[in-house]
Amino acid sequence: MSSRRRPLPKLFYTGDILGFILNHPLNRQHKLRALGRFLRWQVGSRLAPGPVIIPFVNQTRLVARPGLMGATGIYYTGLYEYEEMAFVLHALRPSDRFVDIGAHIGAFSLLAAGAVGASCLAIEPVPASFAQMQENVNLNGLSSKVHCLNLGIAAQAGRLPFTTGKGAANGVALPPPSGTTAPVASKTVEVDVQRLDALTTGFVPFIIKVDVEGFESEVIAGAERTLADDRLSAILIELRGHGRRYGFDEDAIHARLLGLGFQPFSYDPLAKSAIPGQESTPRTLTLLDGINRAAGTTIYIRNIDLIRQRIATAPRFTVHGQTL
C-alpha cells in the first residue's frame, strides 16, 4: 500500500486528525493501539496540561506540549512526516552531515544526530521554537552533535520579520506581492538572516531539509555553492504552493534542482525494493515526473546509485515498538 498522504498540518487544520492517525502507515495494523495513544493524550493534556517527555525513534525522546502539533503528531504516529523522516533514517550514516533549515522543535535533527549519529546544523529563526529545539537537543545529550542557530536563511544577509505564535506554520512576514492578498501578521519578531553558503564552509551536507513556509526560493538563491557541491546527495524541500504568498514560482525551484542533476522521488520504507539481490528489503524509491504534490515535501536525489545502496543496507530503527 502506498505511503503517500496529505501533510499533517493540513489535516490538523481540517480536523481530520483521527483519520490521519488511524490510516498512517505505522498505525494501519495497530489501530487500537494508535487510538489509545490519541485518547490518552487528549485526556491527559487536559487533566494535567504541561510538558511531557515522549519516546521517538530508538532511544531518542522529545518534549511534547498541548498545541505543539509536531510533537503530538510524533506521539500519535511515530513519524509524522513519514516518507521524509524514514528517508533521513535510512540514507544518512554517522559520518555524514545534515542541515535542517526550518528545524522548528528539531525532530529531523534528533533523527539525524540521535538515531543515526550524523553531525547536524539545525537552523530555526523563531525564538520560541528555537528554545524548544534546544530543549530537545539537550534532553538527548546531543549538544556535541547538533549545532543550533537562531537564524533565518535568505538570499542575502540581513534581518527579516517572522511571525510568532503559529507553531510550525511560522514564516517570513513580508507584505504580499502587488495584486495578491494575505492575512496581516499580528505578532512578528525581527531575526537575523544569512545565506546558507555562509554557513556551510567546512560543513558540506550529505542531505539538506528545507521547510520554510514558502520562502524556499530565497533559501535556494543563497545556496549556490552548497547546491553545486557533488557531495550534497539529497534535498528534502517543502513545495506545496506557499511560495505564491511572496510571488515565488516553485516550478522554478524544481527546474533549478533538475538543472543541478537532482531528480524527484517518493519513498516507501515498507514496500519491497527492486534492487537486484535485495528483493526482501522493504524500502523503495520511486522516480516522479514532477513535484510531489501528494506529500507536500519532495525528495530530490542526485547520487541515486549511492542512495539506493545506502537505503538497502541501512540498519533497522525502532519506533512505537515497530522496526523500520
Protein backbone atom coordinates (compact mmCIF):
# COMPACT_ATOMS: atom_id res chain seq x y z
CA MET A 1 0.00 0.00 0.00
CA SER A 2 1.29 3.45 -0.84
CA SER A 3 2.74 5.55 1.96
CA ARG A 4 1.67 8.83 0.38
CA ARG A 5 -0.51 11.09 2.49
CA ARG A 6 -1.55 14.67 2.92
CA PRO A 7 0.82 16.59 5.18
CA LEU A 8 -0.02 16.61 8.88
CA PRO A 9 -0.51 20.36 9.37
CA LYS A 10 -3.27 20.49 6.73
CA LEU A 11 -5.03 17.61 8.46
CA PHE A 12 -4.92 19.42 11.76
CA TYR A 13 -6.46 22.47 10.14
CA THR A 14 -9.28 20.44 8.55
CA GLY A 15 -9.97 18.48 11.71
CA ASP A 16 -9.24 15.09 10.13
CA ILE A 17 -6.77 14.22 12.89
CA LEU A 18 -8.15 10.82 13.81
CA GLY A 19 -8.41 9.67 10.20
CA PHE A 20 -4.79 10.62 9.61
CA ILE A 21 -3.67 8.77 12.75
CA LEU A 22 -5.53 5.53 12.08
CA ASN A 23 -4.50 5.40 8.41
CA HIS A 24 -0.87 6.30 8.98
CA PRO A 25 1.39 3.50 7.61
CA LEU A 26 2.81 2.76 11.07
CA ASN A 27 -0.68 2.53 12.60
CA ARG A 28 -2.69 0.64 9.98
CA GLN A 29 -2.02 -2.73 11.62
CA HIS A 30 -2.25 -1.32 15.16
CA LYS A 31 -5.31 0.92 15.10
CA LEU A 32 -6.46 0.18 18.64
CA ARG A 33 -3.01 0.98 19.98
CA ALA A 34 -2.97 4.22 18.00
CA LEU A 35 -6.45 5.13 19.18
CA GLY A 36 -5.31 4.55 22.75
CA ARG A 37 -2.41 6.99 22.32
CA PHE A 38 -4.78 9.58 20.89
CA LEU A 39 -7.24 9.24 23.76
CA ARG A 40 -4.52 9.26 26.42
CA TRP A 41 -3.12 12.50 25.07
CA GLN A 42 -6.50 14.17 24.67
CA VAL A 43 -7.50 13.32 28.23
CA GLY A 44 -4.12 13.66 29.90
CA SER A 45 -3.25 17.01 28.33
CA ARG A 46 -6.50 18.44 29.69
CA LEU A 47 -6.23 16.99 33.18
CA ALA A 48 -2.55 17.90 33.58
CA PRO A 49 -1.55 20.41 30.89
CA GLY A 50 2.17 20.84 30.65
CA PRO A 51 5.31 19.35 29.10
CA VAL A 52 5.54 15.57 28.72
CA ILE A 53 8.58 13.62 27.56
CA ILE A 54 7.59 11.15 24.83
CA PRO A 55 9.56 8.42 23.04
CA PHE A 56 10.76 8.96 19.49
CA VAL A 57 13.00 6.69 17.35
CA ASN A 58 15.29 4.18 19.08
CA GLN A 59 16.37 5.80 22.35
CA THR A 60 15.61 9.40 21.39
CA ARG A 61 12.94 11.41 23.17
CA LEU A 62 11.34 14.80 22.83
CA VAL A 63 9.18 17.20 24.82
CA ALA A 64 5.50 17.42 23.87
CA ARG A 65 3.12 20.15 24.97
CA PRO A 66 -0.57 20.78 24.28
CA GLY A 67 -0.89 22.62 21.00
CA LEU A 68 2.58 21.65 19.77
CA MET A 69 1.40 19.83 16.64
CA GLY A 70 4.75 18.43 15.50
CA ALA A 71 5.41 16.73 18.84
CA THR A 72 1.88 15.44 19.33
CA GLY A 73 1.92 14.18 15.73
CA ILE A 74 5.03 12.19 16.58
CA TYR A 75 3.34 10.76 19.67
CA TYR A 76 0.30 9.72 17.61
CA THR A 77 2.18 8.22 14.65
CA GLY A 78 5.87 7.74 15.44
CA LEU A 79 6.94 9.53 12.23
CA TYR A 80 4.51 12.30 11.35
CA GLU A 81 6.37 13.21 8.14
CA TYR A 82 6.60 9.57 7.24
CA GLU A 83 8.40 9.41 3.87
CA GLU A 84 10.89 12.16 4.65
CA MET A 85 11.73 11.05 8.18
CA ALA A 86 12.20 7.43 7.10
CA PHE A 87 14.40 8.59 4.22
CA VAL A 88 16.67 10.53 6.59
CA LEU A 89 16.99 7.49 8.85
CA HIS A 90 17.87 5.13 6.01
CA ALA A 91 20.02 7.37 3.79
CA LEU A 92 22.25 9.01 6.41
CA ARG A 93 25.31 7.46 8.05
CA PRO A 94 27.17 8.53 11.23
CA SER A 95 29.99 10.10 9.20
CA ASP A 96 27.56 12.37 7.30
CA ARG A 97 26.48 15.95 7.81
CA PHE A 98 22.85 17.06 7.79
CA VAL A 99 21.43 20.59 7.54
CA ASP A 100 17.95 21.20 8.96
CA ILE A 101 16.57 24.54 7.68
CA GLY A 102 13.37 25.49 9.45
CA ALA A 103 14.08 22.96 12.18
CA HIS A 104 11.13 24.01 14.40
CA ILE A 105 11.39 21.74 17.50
CA GLY A 106 14.29 19.77 15.99
CA ALA A 107 12.58 16.47 15.14
CA PHE A 108 14.61 15.87 11.96
CA SER A 109 17.79 16.86 13.78
CA LEU A 110 17.05 14.31 16.51
CA LEU A 111 16.66 11.62 13.84
CA ALA A 112 19.87 12.61 12.07
CA ALA A 113 22.05 13.07 15.15
CA GLY A 114 20.32 11.00 17.82
CA ALA A 115 19.11 7.95 15.91
CA VAL A 116 21.73 7.84 13.13
CA GLY A 117 24.69 9.62 14.76
CA ALA A 118 25.35 12.18 12.00
CA SER A 119 26.55 15.75 12.61
CA CYS A 120 23.80 18.33 12.25
CA LEU A 121 23.37 22.04 11.65
CA ALA A 122 19.88 22.94 12.94
CA ILE A 123 18.60 26.36 11.87
CA GLU A 124 15.42 27.87 13.35
CA PRO A 125 14.58 31.61 13.25
CA VAL A 126 11.63 31.89 15.67
CA PRO A 127 12.96 32.27 19.23
CA ALA A 128 10.22 30.21 20.93
CA SER A 129 10.70 27.27 18.55
CA PHE A 130 14.47 27.63 18.81
CA ALA A 131 14.24 27.30 22.60
CA GLN A 132 12.12 24.15 22.23
CA MET A 133 14.65 22.73 19.78
CA GLN A 134 17.49 23.38 22.20
CA GLU A 135 15.44 21.72 24.93
CA ASN A 136 15.11 18.57 22.81
CA VAL A 137 18.77 18.58 21.83
CA ASN A 138 19.84 18.87 25.47
CA LEU A 139 17.31 16.24 26.59
CA ASN A 140 19.03 13.75 24.28
CA GLY A 141 22.57 14.81 25.13
CA LEU A 142 23.25 15.87 21.55
CA SER A 143 24.88 19.28 22.03
CA SER A 144 28.15 17.94 20.59
CA LYS A 145 26.36 16.58 17.50
CA VAL A 146 23.82 19.33 16.79
CA HIS A 147 24.89 22.95 16.28
CA CYS A 148 21.79 25.11 16.81
CA LEU A 149 21.50 28.51 15.13
CA ASN A 150 18.75 31.05 15.85
CA LEU A 151 18.76 32.38 12.28
CA GLY A 152 16.71 32.55 9.14
CA ILE A 153 18.06 31.61 5.71
CA ALA A 154 17.66 34.00 2.77
CA ALA A 155 19.27 35.12 -0.48
CA GLN A 156 21.20 37.87 1.30
CA ALA A 157 22.34 38.51 4.86
CA GLY A 158 20.29 40.99 6.87
CA ARG A 159 17.23 40.98 9.11
CA LEU A 160 13.65 39.94 8.37
CA PRO A 161 10.38 39.86 10.35
CA PHE A 162 9.00 36.41 11.19
CA THR A 163 5.56 35.55 12.52
CA THR A 164 5.27 34.13 16.02
CA GLY A 165 2.66 32.06 17.81
CA LYS A 166 1.82 29.89 14.78
CA GLY A 167 4.00 26.90 15.64
CA ALA A 168 5.31 25.04 12.61
CA ALA A 169 3.43 27.47 10.33
CA ASN A 170 5.57 30.48 11.30
CA GLY A 171 7.35 32.15 8.41
CA VAL A 172 8.68 35.38 6.98
CA ALA A 173 6.17 38.22 7.44
CA LEU A 174 6.64 40.26 4.27
CA PRO A 175 3.88 42.29 2.60
CA PRO A 176 2.10 40.26 -0.10
CA PRO A 177 3.04 40.95 -3.75
CA SER A 178 1.03 43.56 -5.61
CA GLY A 179 -2.31 42.17 -6.74
CA THR A 180 -2.40 39.40 -4.13
CA THR A 181 -3.84 39.21 -0.64
CA ALA A 182 -2.57 37.58 2.53
CA PRO A 183 -3.54 37.91 6.19
CA VAL A 184 -1.64 40.56 8.10
CA ALA A 185 0.58 39.02 10.78
CA SER A 186 -0.44 40.26 14.22
CA LYS A 187 2.76 39.23 16.00
CA THR A 188 6.22 39.32 14.49
CA VAL A 189 9.84 39.28 15.60
CA GLU A 190 12.87 40.52 13.67
CA VAL A 191 15.56 37.89 13.22
CA ASP A 192 18.99 37.85 11.60
CA VAL A 193 19.09 36.01 8.28
CA GLN A 194 22.09 34.59 6.46
CA ARG A 195 22.94 32.91 3.17
CA LEU A 196 23.28 29.15 3.50
CA ASP A 197 26.59 29.33 1.64
CA ALA A 198 27.99 31.42 4.50
CA LEU A 199 27.23 28.62 6.97
CA THR A 200 28.36 25.51 5.09
CA THR A 201 32.03 26.38 4.52
CA GLY A 202 33.76 23.36 6.01
CA PHE A 203 30.40 21.68 6.67
CA VAL A 204 29.30 20.14 3.38
CA PRO A 205 25.98 18.37 3.98
CA PHE A 206 25.00 14.98 2.57
CA ILE A 207 21.30 15.86 2.98
CA ILE A 208 19.53 19.19 3.41
CA LYS A 209 15.96 19.56 4.66
CA VAL A 210 14.15 22.83 3.80
CA ASP A 211 10.80 23.70 5.40
CA VAL A 212 10.36 27.47 5.48
CA GLU A 213 6.68 28.04 4.69
CA GLY A 214 7.03 29.44 1.18
CA PHE A 215 10.44 31.13 1.45
CA GLU A 216 12.20 28.20 -0.24
CA SER A 217 13.10 30.26 -3.33
CA GLU A 218 15.19 32.61 -1.18
CA VAL A 219 16.92 29.67 0.51
CA ILE A 220 17.88 28.21 -2.87
CA ALA A 221 19.09 31.61 -4.10
CA GLY A 222 21.52 31.87 -1.19
CA ALA A 223 22.89 28.34 -1.57
CA GLU A 224 24.56 28.31 -4.99
CA ARG A 225 27.92 26.93 -3.81
CA THR A 226 26.34 24.41 -1.46
CA LEU A 227 23.98 23.08 -4.13
CA ALA A 228 26.77 22.79 -6.70
CA ASP A 229 28.91 20.57 -4.44
CA ASP A 230 28.50 16.96 -5.63
CA ARG A 231 28.85 15.73 -2.06
CA LEU A 232 25.33 17.02 -1.44
CA SER A 233 23.28 13.98 -2.45
CA ALA A 234 19.70 14.80 -1.47
CA ILE A 235 17.40 17.72 -0.66
CA LEU A 236 14.06 17.40 1.10
CA ILE A 237 12.11 20.55 0.30
CA GLU A 238 8.54 21.57 1.02
CA LEU A 239 6.82 22.75 -2.18
CA ARG A 240 3.08 23.00 -1.62
CA GLY A 241 2.28 26.38 -3.13
CA HIS A 242 3.11 28.58 -0.16
CA GLY A 243 5.67 30.46 -2.26
CA ARG A 244 2.84 32.28 -4.04
CA ARG A 245 2.33 34.46 -0.98
CA TYR A 246 5.74 36.01 -1.72
CA GLY A 247 5.37 35.99 -5.51
CA PHE A 248 7.70 32.99 -5.95
CA ASP A 249 7.35 30.31 -8.62
CA GLU A 250 8.01 26.89 -7.09
CA ASP A 251 8.25 25.34 -10.55
CA ALA A 252 11.40 27.44 -10.96
CA ILE A 253 12.88 25.68 -7.89
CA HIS A 254 12.05 22.33 -9.47
CA ALA A 255 13.73 23.36 -12.73
CA ARG A 256 16.77 24.67 -10.86
CA LEU A 257 17.25 21.41 -8.99
CA LEU A 258 16.81 19.35 -12.16
CA GLY A 259 19.50 21.51 -13.77
CA LEU A 260 21.86 20.61 -10.93
CA GLY A 261 21.35 16.90 -11.54
CA PHE A 262 18.70 16.19 -8.89
CA GLN A 263 15.61 14.10 -9.63
CA PRO A 264 12.35 13.97 -7.63
CA PHE A 265 11.43 10.78 -5.80
CA SER A 266 8.91 9.44 -3.35
CA TYR A 267 9.98 6.93 -0.71
CA ASP A 268 8.13 3.97 0.76
CA PRO A 269 10.12 2.31 3.56
CA LEU A 270 7.61 -0.55 3.83
CA ALA A 271 7.48 -1.57 0.16
CA LYS A 272 9.77 -4.22 -1.35
CA SER A 273 12.91 -2.96 -3.03
CA ALA A 274 13.61 -3.50 -6.73
CA ILE A 275 17.38 -3.67 -6.17
CA PRO A 276 18.84 -6.94 -7.54
CA GLY A 277 19.81 -9.20 -4.67
CA GLN A 278 17.83 -7.09 -2.21
CA GLU A 279 14.31 -8.22 -3.06
CA SER A 280 13.40 -8.76 0.59
CA THR A 281 14.41 -5.24 1.64
CA PRO A 282 11.19 -3.31 2.35
CA ARG A 283 12.39 0.05 1.02
CA THR A 284 11.54 1.60 -2.36
CA LEU A 285 12.33 4.88 -4.12
CA THR A 286 10.02 5.83 -6.99
CA LEU A 287 11.02 8.37 -9.63
CA LEU A 288 8.37 11.09 -10.07
CA ASP A 289 7.57 13.21 -13.11
CA GLY A 290 7.35 16.42 -11.08
CA ILE A 291 6.91 17.93 -7.63
CA ASN A 292 5.41 15.52 -5.08
CA ARG A 293 2.13 17.37 -4.57
CA ALA A 294 0.61 14.42 -2.68
CA ALA A 295 3.14 14.52 0.15
CA GLY A 296 3.85 18.26 0.24
CA THR A 297 7.59 17.65 0.54
CA THR A 298 9.63 16.37 -2.42
CA ILE A 299 12.76 14.26 -2.02
CA TYR A 300 15.32 15.34 -4.64
CA ILE A 301 18.23 12.95 -5.13
CA ARG A 302 21.41 13.47 -7.14
CA ASN A 303 23.62 10.45 -6.35
CA ILE A 304 20.86 7.90 -6.85
CA ASP A 305 23.03 4.75 -7.01
CA LEU A 306 24.70 5.64 -3.72
CA ILE A 307 21.37 6.48 -2.08
CA ARG A 308 19.77 3.22 -3.24
CA GLN A 309 22.71 1.24 -1.88
CA ARG A 310 22.55 3.06 1.44
CA ILE A 311 18.82 2.57 1.81
CA ALA A 312 19.13 -1.14 1.05
CA THR A 313 21.86 -1.65 3.67
CA ALA A 314 20.71 0.76 6.40
CA PRO A 315 20.10 -0.70 9.86
CA ARG A 316 16.59 -1.01 11.22
CA PHE A 317 15.18 1.60 13.56
CA THR A 318 12.53 1.13 16.24
CA VAL A 319 9.53 3.41 16.55
CA HIS A 320 6.42 2.67 18.61
CA GLY A 321 7.64 -0.91 19.02
CA GLN A 322 7.89 -1.47 15.26
CA THR A 323 11.05 -1.80 13.15
CA LEU A 324 11.54 0.24 10.01
